[in-house]
Amino acid sequence: MNAVFLDFATMGAAELDRSPLSDALPGIEFFDATAADERRERIRGAAFVLTNKVRIDRELIDATPDLKFIGLTATGTDNIDLQAAAARNIAVCNIRAYCTQSVVEHVFAVLLNFAHSIGAFDRDVRKGEWQRSADFCMLGHPIRQLSAMTMGIVGYGVLGRAVAETAKHFGMRVLIARRRGAPDAASDGRTEFTDLLRQADVISLHCPLNEETRGLFGAEEFRRMKPNAILINTARGGLIDSAALVEALKRKQIAAAAIDVLPKEPPADGDPLIDYAAPNLLVTPHIAWATVEARQNAINELAANIHAFQRGEKRNRVV
């Protein structure tokens, strides 16, 4: 039974134990990367195709009659033609809750950096400011205590809940955004989106990207936010109008932003968030999920999905 993993290098393969997959699929072939024109040949005759980001479209599915299972080392399934897979009764499985701790730690790492002005103070020391100071310490940048801040969560799934719980451990007040279009029920404990924008000192995004959420944060939303607010996006780049965010940072409509995801990845030339280099913007290359422990969890979860399928069970089935 032929099996292939098409883009194992996207998982930081050198650090990982691949034996759970080899045990589940003896003889599996691992490819570091697979270009679009290599896909058809590599999955020819395969019953199991594993991937992170390689696109598996209808044409590929129809050209692979032995295909029975598509396994993803990701939660998102937008690179798979789910309708074509369903029509062929091909199982498609994703993985869930494998990187929660990694994302939570990233959110609070960037938040603490901004709240305590860590980067700004370091830059001052490197420029000799402390050496020239008349006092034993320097207080030239804001130092904010998390317990005095309000955290706004947009997207209250596994990740949003985990970030909210950690915020409470820091003593933060937590607001959960009500979904747009949801009934206005004061008893649900959630906050209208526009009210959350007005009240939150920190907003952390954990919602999916769809037609309802695309461009959720634009010029109008930034105008509604506090001038000392911090925006953190570890969800999807398309949730934010990048050009509007840069303008908001330049005009000091908000204090800072930490962005781990962009609308196009890798970014294209001319991306506003790449071109704008300033202390109040942190851009990281989609790594919030990627501690070595989380990546190993992803491999282990994928192997568990395969074993379940082989036993005739449904686990993390999308199709």
Protein backbone atom coordinates (compact mmCIF):
# COMPACT_ATOMS: atom_id res chain seq x y z
CA MET A 1 0.00 0.00 0.00
CA ASN A 2 1.83 3.09 -1.28
CA ALA A 3 2.04 6.16 0.94
CA VAL A 4 3.77 9.54 0.52
CA PHE A 5 4.34 12.66 2.58
CA LEU A 6 4.67 15.46 0.04
CA ASP A 7 6.21 18.33 2.03
CA PHE A 8 7.77 17.00 5.22
CA ALA A 9 10.33 19.82 5.36
CA THR A 10 7.53 22.28 6.18
CA MET A 11 7.37 20.59 9.58
CA GLY A 12 11.03 21.27 10.42
CA ALA A 13 11.64 17.61 9.73
CA ALA A 14 15.20 17.35 11.05
CA GLU A 15 14.01 17.89 14.64
CA LEU A 16 11.13 15.41 14.54
CA ASP A 17 10.64 11.70 15.15
CA ARG A 18 8.95 10.38 12.03
CA SER A 19 8.64 6.83 13.34
CA PRO A 20 4.92 7.19 14.28
CA LEU A 21 4.17 7.67 10.58
CA SER A 22 6.58 4.92 9.46
CA ASP A 23 4.98 2.54 11.95
CA ALA A 24 1.50 3.40 10.71
CA LEU A 25 2.49 3.23 7.03
CA PRO A 26 5.49 0.93 6.49
CA GLY A 27 7.38 1.97 3.39
CA ILE A 28 6.06 5.53 3.35
CA GLU A 29 8.15 7.84 1.16
CA PHE A 30 9.01 11.26 2.56
CA PHE A 31 9.64 14.22 0.23
CA ASP A 32 11.00 17.50 1.60
CA ALA A 33 8.94 19.49 -0.89
CA THR A 34 6.76 18.87 -3.92
CA ALA A 35 6.32 21.38 -6.73
CA ALA A 36 3.02 21.68 -8.54
CA ASP A 37 4.32 19.81 -11.59
CA GLU A 38 5.65 16.97 -9.40
CA ARG A 39 2.43 16.18 -7.56
CA ARG A 40 0.81 13.85 -10.07
CA GLU A 41 3.83 11.60 -10.47
CA ARG A 42 4.54 11.41 -6.74
CA ILE A 43 1.05 10.36 -5.72
CA ARG A 44 0.56 7.95 -8.61
CA GLY A 45 -0.60 4.64 -7.13
CA ALA A 46 -0.72 6.01 -3.58
CA ALA A 47 -3.49 5.00 -1.20
CA PHE A 48 -2.33 7.43 1.53
CA VAL A 49 -1.24 11.01 0.76
CA LEU A 50 0.01 13.15 3.64
CA THR A 51 0.70 16.85 3.35
CA ASN A 52 0.85 20.14 5.15
CA LYS A 53 0.32 22.75 2.43
CA VAL A 54 0.53 21.03 -0.99
CA ARG A 55 -2.68 21.57 -2.97
CA ILE A 56 -4.64 18.41 -3.79
CA ASP A 57 -7.26 19.43 -6.35
CA ARG A 58 -9.96 17.57 -8.26
CA GLU A 59 -7.69 16.83 -11.20
CA LEU A 60 -5.16 15.11 -8.93
CA ILE A 61 -7.84 13.22 -7.05
CA ASP A 62 -9.46 11.98 -10.26
CA ALA A 63 -6.04 10.91 -11.59
CA THR A 64 -5.27 8.77 -8.50
CA PRO A 65 -7.74 5.86 -8.47
CA ASP A 66 -6.08 4.08 -5.52
CA LEU A 67 -6.32 7.08 -3.21
CA LYS A 68 -8.19 6.31 0.02
CA PHE A 69 -6.88 8.77 2.61
CA ILE A 70 -5.59 12.35 2.66
CA GLY A 71 -3.99 13.38 5.95
CA LEU A 72 -3.09 16.94 6.91
CA THR A 73 -0.61 18.18 9.49
CA ALA A 74 -2.75 21.29 9.84
CA THR A 75 -6.21 22.32 10.96
CA GLY A 76 -7.03 24.20 7.76
CA THR A 77 -8.26 22.22 4.76
CA ASP A 78 -8.39 24.94 2.10
CA ASN A 79 -5.66 23.22 0.05
CA ILE A 80 -7.83 20.12 -0.45
CA ASP A 81 -10.80 19.85 -2.83
CA LEU A 82 -13.18 18.42 -0.25
CA GLN A 83 -16.07 18.01 -2.69
CA ALA A 84 -13.94 15.94 -5.05
CA ALA A 85 -12.71 13.81 -2.15
CA ALA A 86 -16.25 13.25 -0.87
CA ALA A 87 -17.42 12.24 -4.33
CA ARG A 88 -14.77 9.51 -4.36
CA ASN A 89 -15.40 8.51 -0.71
CA ILE A 90 -11.82 9.47 0.15
CA ALA A 91 -11.24 10.18 3.83
CA VAL A 92 -9.78 13.60 4.63
CA CYS A 93 -8.48 14.15 8.17
CA ASN A 94 -6.99 17.24 9.77
CA ILE A 95 -5.43 17.68 13.20
CA ARG A 96 -6.75 19.75 16.09
CA ALA A 97 -5.55 21.25 19.36
CA TYR A 98 -1.97 20.18 18.66
CA CYS A 99 -0.31 23.58 19.06
CA THR A 100 -2.41 25.30 21.72
CA GLN A 101 0.39 25.81 24.23
CA SER A 102 2.75 27.04 21.53
CA VAL A 103 0.29 29.69 20.31
CA VAL A 104 -0.56 30.82 23.85
CA GLU A 105 3.12 31.27 24.70
CA HIS A 106 3.71 33.25 21.50
CA VAL A 107 0.78 35.58 22.23
CA PHE A 108 2.07 36.40 25.69
CA ALA A 109 5.69 36.61 24.55
CA VAL A 110 4.89 39.43 22.14
CA LEU A 111 2.42 41.01 24.55
CA LEU A 112 4.96 41.16 27.38
CA ASN A 113 7.56 42.52 24.99
CA PHE A 114 5.31 45.47 24.16
CA ALA A 115 3.78 45.93 27.64
CA HIS A 116 7.20 46.13 29.29
CA SER A 117 8.92 47.88 26.35
CA ILE A 118 11.60 45.18 26.35
CA GLY A 119 12.80 45.83 22.81
CA ALA A 120 12.77 49.59 23.25
CA PHE A 121 14.86 49.48 26.43
CA ASP A 122 17.30 47.06 24.83
CA ARG A 123 17.77 49.41 21.87
CA ASP A 124 18.45 52.30 24.26
CA VAL A 125 21.10 50.31 26.13
CA ARG A 126 22.79 49.31 22.86
CA LYS A 127 22.91 53.00 21.88
CA GLY A 128 24.63 53.91 25.16
CA GLU A 129 21.66 55.66 26.77
CA TRP A 130 21.94 53.78 30.07
CA GLN A 131 25.66 54.44 30.26
CA ARG A 132 24.95 58.17 30.01
CA SER A 133 22.06 58.08 32.48
CA ALA A 134 22.30 59.96 35.78
CA ASP A 135 20.10 57.38 37.53
CA PHE A 136 20.45 53.67 38.24
CA CYS A 137 17.51 52.84 35.94
CA MET A 138 15.80 54.30 32.89
CA LEU A 139 12.08 54.95 32.64
CA GLY A 140 11.85 56.45 29.18
CA HIS A 141 9.27 54.00 27.83
CA PRO A 142 5.90 52.79 29.14
CA ILE A 143 5.93 49.77 31.44
CA ARG A 144 2.43 48.38 31.74
CA GLN A 145 1.25 45.64 34.08
CA LEU A 146 -0.96 43.01 32.47
CA SER A 147 -3.26 42.87 35.48
CA ALA A 148 -4.28 46.46 34.74
CA MET A 149 -5.18 45.64 31.14
CA THR A 150 -8.26 44.28 29.35
CA MET A 151 -7.79 41.42 26.87
CA GLY A 152 -10.24 41.17 23.97
CA ILE A 153 -10.56 37.77 22.29
CA VAL A 154 -11.95 37.51 18.75
CA GLY A 155 -12.60 33.84 18.02
CA TYR A 156 -13.42 31.66 21.00
CA GLY A 157 -12.44 28.17 19.92
CA VAL A 158 -9.72 26.03 21.51
CA LEU A 159 -7.01 28.67 21.00
CA GLY A 160 -9.12 31.64 22.00
CA ARG A 161 -10.24 29.90 25.18
CA ALA A 162 -6.68 28.98 26.10
CA VAL A 163 -5.46 32.56 25.60
CA ALA A 164 -8.39 33.86 27.64
CA GLU A 165 -7.65 31.45 30.49
CA THR A 166 -3.98 32.46 30.55
CA ALA A 167 -4.95 36.14 30.52
CA LYS A 168 -7.05 35.53 33.63
CA HIS A 169 -4.03 33.97 35.34
CA PHE A 170 -2.22 37.27 34.73
CA GLY A 171 -5.14 39.05 36.40
CA MET A 172 -6.42 40.55 33.14
CA ARG A 173 -10.05 41.40 32.52
CA VAL A 174 -11.20 39.33 29.52
CA LEU A 175 -13.82 40.24 26.92
CA ILE A 176 -15.05 37.74 24.32
CA ALA A 177 -16.36 39.17 21.05
CA ARG A 178 -19.88 38.17 20.08
CA ARG A 179 -20.02 36.77 16.57
CA ARG A 180 -21.31 39.17 13.96
CA GLY A 181 -24.94 38.44 13.24
CA ALA A 182 -25.40 36.48 16.47
CA PRO A 183 -28.51 37.31 18.52
CA ASP A 184 -27.96 40.16 20.96
CA ALA A 185 -28.15 38.14 24.17
CA ALA A 186 -26.80 39.98 27.18
CA SER A 187 -26.90 36.73 29.12
CA ASP A 188 -24.29 35.02 26.93
CA GLY A 189 -21.51 36.95 28.65
CA ARG A 190 -20.00 38.14 25.37
CA THR A 191 -19.30 41.68 24.18
CA GLU A 192 -20.42 43.35 20.98
CA PHE A 193 -17.50 43.64 18.59
CA THR A 194 -17.59 47.44 18.46
CA ASP A 195 -17.70 47.65 22.25
CA LEU A 196 -14.75 45.29 22.51
CA LEU A 197 -12.76 47.53 20.15
CA ARG A 198 -13.48 50.49 22.40
CA GLN A 199 -12.63 48.78 25.70
CA ALA A 200 -9.74 46.39 25.01
CA ASP A 201 -6.11 47.24 25.72
CA VAL A 202 -5.07 44.07 23.86
CA ILE A 203 -6.94 42.26 21.07
CA SER A 204 -5.89 38.74 20.12
CA LEU A 205 -7.31 37.14 16.97
CA HIS A 206 -8.19 33.43 16.85
CA CYS A 207 -11.06 33.27 14.35
CA PRO A 208 -11.14 31.50 10.97
CA LEU A 209 -10.86 33.37 7.68
CA ASN A 210 -14.12 33.35 5.74
CA GLU A 211 -16.35 35.81 3.92
CA GLU A 212 -17.68 37.08 7.23
CA THR A 213 -14.26 37.74 8.77
CA ARG A 214 -12.16 38.78 5.77
CA GLY A 215 -10.93 42.33 6.37
CA LEU A 216 -12.44 42.29 9.86
CA PHE A 217 -9.93 44.92 10.97
CA GLY A 218 -9.74 47.94 8.71
CA ALA A 219 -9.46 51.71 8.99
CA GLU A 220 -12.79 52.11 10.81
CA GLU A 221 -11.96 49.44 13.39
CA PHE A 222 -8.56 50.98 14.12
CA ARG A 223 -10.21 54.37 14.66
CA ARG A 224 -12.46 52.78 17.29
CA MET A 225 -9.58 51.20 19.23
CA LYS A 226 -7.72 52.76 22.15
CA PRO A 227 -4.56 54.69 21.23
CA ASN A 228 -2.62 52.46 23.65
CA ALA A 229 -4.11 49.22 22.28
CA ILE A 230 -2.03 46.27 21.07
CA LEU A 231 -3.26 44.02 18.26
CA ILE A 232 -1.99 40.42 18.01
CA ASN A 233 -2.78 38.18 15.03
CA THR A 234 -1.79 34.51 15.07
CA ALA A 235 -4.85 33.40 13.09
CA ARG A 236 -5.04 34.36 9.40
CA GLY A 237 -3.49 37.30 7.57
CA GLY A 238 -6.65 38.13 5.64
CA LEU A 239 -8.43 39.17 8.82
CA ILE A 240 -6.57 42.49 8.70
CA ASP A 241 -6.30 45.19 6.06
CA SER A 242 -2.50 45.43 6.10
CA ALA A 243 -2.29 48.92 4.60
CA ALA A 244 -4.85 50.24 7.09
CA LEU A 245 -2.89 48.72 9.98
CA VAL A 246 0.32 50.42 8.86
CA GLU A 247 -1.50 53.76 8.67
CA ALA A 248 -2.96 53.23 12.13
CA LEU A 249 0.50 52.53 13.54
CA LYS A 250 2.01 55.53 11.79
CA ARG A 251 -0.73 57.84 13.07
CA LYS A 252 -0.56 56.31 16.56
CA GLN A 253 -4.23 55.35 16.40
CA ILE A 254 -3.10 52.16 18.14
CA ALA A 255 0.12 51.56 20.06
CA ALA A 256 1.51 48.38 18.54
CA ALA A 257 0.83 45.20 16.59
CA ALA A 258 2.36 41.73 16.53
CA ILE A 259 1.63 39.90 13.28
CA ASP A 260 2.52 36.24 12.73
CA VAL A 261 0.43 35.66 9.59
CA LEU A 262 0.12 37.54 6.30
CA PRO A 263 -2.44 37.38 3.47
CA LYS A 264 0.19 35.82 1.21
CA GLU A 265 2.88 33.49 2.58
CA PRO A 266 5.76 33.74 1.86
CA PRO A 267 5.05 37.48 1.49
CA ALA A 268 5.21 39.17 -1.88
CA ASP A 269 7.30 42.23 -2.60
CA GLY A 270 5.46 45.37 -1.61
CA ASP A 271 3.59 43.92 1.36
CA PRO A 272 2.88 46.96 3.59
CA LEU A 273 3.69 45.09 6.80
CA ILE A 274 7.07 43.97 5.48
CA ASP A 275 7.96 47.41 4.13
CA TYR A 276 7.05 49.21 7.38
CA ALA A 277 9.93 48.78 9.83
CA ALA A 278 9.22 50.40 13.17
CA PRO A 279 9.51 49.47 16.86
CA ASN A 280 5.72 49.32 17.26
CA LEU A 281 5.35 46.46 14.75
CA LEU A 282 6.60 42.90 15.18
CA VAL A 283 6.31 40.56 12.19
CA THR A 284 7.20 36.88 12.62
CA PRO A 285 7.13 34.24 9.84
CA HIS A 286 4.08 32.13 10.85
CA ILE A 287 5.83 30.49 13.79
CA ALA A 288 3.37 30.87 16.66
CA TRP A 289 2.30 27.23 16.21
CA ALA A 290 5.78 25.86 15.72
CA THR A 291 7.51 24.80 18.94
CA VAL A 292 9.24 21.47 18.38
CA GLU A 293 6.79 19.94 20.86
CA ALA A 294 3.79 21.20 18.87
CA ARG A 295 5.23 19.93 15.60
CA GLN A 296 5.83 16.51 17.11
CA ASN A 297 2.26 16.59 18.40
CA ALA A 298 1.16 17.19 14.80
CA ILE A 299 3.02 14.09 13.59
CA ASN A 300 1.63 12.00 16.43
CA GLU A 301 -1.91 13.23 15.80
CA LEU A 302 -1.65 12.45 12.09
CA ALA A 303 -0.43 8.94 12.90
CA ALA A 304 -3.38 8.48 15.28
CA ASN A 305 -5.76 9.54 12.48
CA ILE A 306 -4.20 6.94 10.17
CA HIS A 307 -4.47 4.15 12.74
CA ALA A 308 -8.12 5.04 13.36
CA PHE A 309 -8.87 4.93 9.63
CA GLN A 310 -7.18 1.56 9.33
CA ARG A 311 -9.42 0.26 12.12
CA GLY A 312 -12.50 1.55 10.34
CA GLU A 313 -12.98 4.40 12.83
CA LYS A 314 -13.55 8.08 12.16
CA ARG A 315 -11.14 10.44 13.91
CA ASN A 316 -10.77 14.13 12.98
CA ARG A 317 -12.61 13.39 9.74
CA VAL A 318 -13.43 16.44 7.65
CA VAL A 319 -14.83 14.26 4.83
